[in-house]
Amino acid sequence: MPIRWRGKRAWVLVPAGKDPSEDLKAQMRAYSQTSGGLHMIKLRDRVLRCGVPEFQPSMLDLERRDINPWDAGGF
């Protein structure tokens, strides 16, 4: 599901039933590094955030304010 962050599309990956494999997580990190793409992977116990350096603290700020990024709309 895509969300918007500072005008850029960011993807939220939500697993169906189990956490994604280490291989998939590595592929998504590589995608972010080569394309500049933004994404988050929701795990059972945490959320992984990949993208430009400013993306992670911005997402952590929403989390601290108890706002789900995928519910926040275009922020």
Protein backbone atom coordinates (compact mmCIF):
# COMPACT_ATOMS: atom_id res chain seq x y z
CA MET A 1 0.00 0.00 0.00
CA PRO A 2 1.51 3.38 -0.93
CA ILE A 3 1.60 6.44 1.31
CA ARG A 4 3.08 9.89 0.61
CA TRP A 5 6.03 11.42 2.45
CA ARG A 6 7.14 14.92 1.44
CA GLY A 7 5.59 14.41 -1.97
CA LYS A 8 7.31 11.07 -2.60
CA ARG A 9 5.63 7.69 -2.69
CA ALA A 10 6.54 5.39 0.19
CA TRP A 11 5.48 1.77 0.36
CA VAL A 12 4.24 -0.01 3.45
CA LEU A 13 4.67 -3.77 3.31
CA VAL A 14 2.30 -5.59 5.62
CA PRO A 15 2.87 -9.35 5.80
CA ALA A 16 -0.02 -11.75 5.64
CA GLY A 17 0.48 -14.23 8.46
CA LYS A 18 4.25 -14.22 8.99
CA ASP A 19 7.17 -11.82 8.89
CA PRO A 20 8.92 -11.45 5.52
CA SER A 21 12.04 -13.49 4.85
CA GLU A 22 15.53 -12.10 5.36
CA ASP A 23 15.95 -12.30 1.58
CA LEU A 24 12.95 -10.05 0.95
CA LYS A 25 14.13 -7.55 3.57
CA ALA A 26 17.59 -7.49 1.94
CA GLN A 27 16.03 -6.95 -1.49
CA MET A 28 13.97 -4.03 -0.19
CA ARG A 29 17.04 -2.43 1.45
CA ALA A 30 18.93 -2.79 -1.84
CA TYR A 31 15.98 -1.28 -3.74
CA SER A 32 15.99 1.74 -1.40
CA GLN A 33 19.74 2.22 -1.77
CA THR A 34 19.76 2.03 -5.58
CA SER A 35 16.51 3.84 -6.36
CA GLY A 36 16.09 6.21 -3.43
CA GLY A 37 12.72 4.56 -2.87
CA LEU A 38 11.08 4.73 0.54
CA HIS A 39 9.43 1.84 2.31
CA MET A 40 8.48 0.40 5.65
CA ILE A 41 8.02 -3.24 6.53
CA LYS A 42 5.60 -3.91 9.35
CA LEU A 43 6.76 -6.85 11.44
CA ARG A 44 4.99 -8.43 14.39
CA ASP A 45 7.15 -6.60 16.94
CA ARG A 46 8.49 -3.55 15.08
CA VAL A 47 8.56 -1.57 11.85
CA LEU A 48 11.61 -1.43 9.57
CA ARG A 49 12.10 1.85 7.71
CA CYS A 50 14.33 2.24 4.66
CA GLY A 51 15.04 5.27 2.53
CA VAL A 52 16.73 8.63 2.72
CA PRO A 53 18.17 9.51 6.16
CA GLU A 54 15.37 12.00 6.95
CA PHE A 55 12.67 9.37 6.42
CA GLN A 56 13.42 7.29 9.51
CA PRO A 57 13.26 10.07 12.14
CA SER A 58 10.13 11.44 10.50
CA MET A 59 8.44 8.04 10.77
CA LEU A 60 9.69 7.60 14.35
CA ASP A 61 8.18 10.97 15.25
CA LEU A 62 4.78 9.82 13.99
CA GLU A 63 5.15 6.60 15.94
CA ARG A 64 6.02 8.48 19.15
CA ARG A 65 2.89 10.57 18.67
CA ASP A 66 0.93 7.30 18.25
CA ILE A 67 0.10 8.04 14.60
CA ASN A 68 0.25 5.18 12.12
CA PRO A 69 1.92 6.50 8.93
CA TRP A 70 -0.46 4.51 6.78
CA ASP A 71 -3.37 6.29 8.50
CA ALA A 72 -1.80 9.76 8.38
CA GLY A 73 -2.51 10.44 4.71
CA GLY A 74 -0.15 12.75 2.86
CA PHE A 75 2.30 14.13 5.39
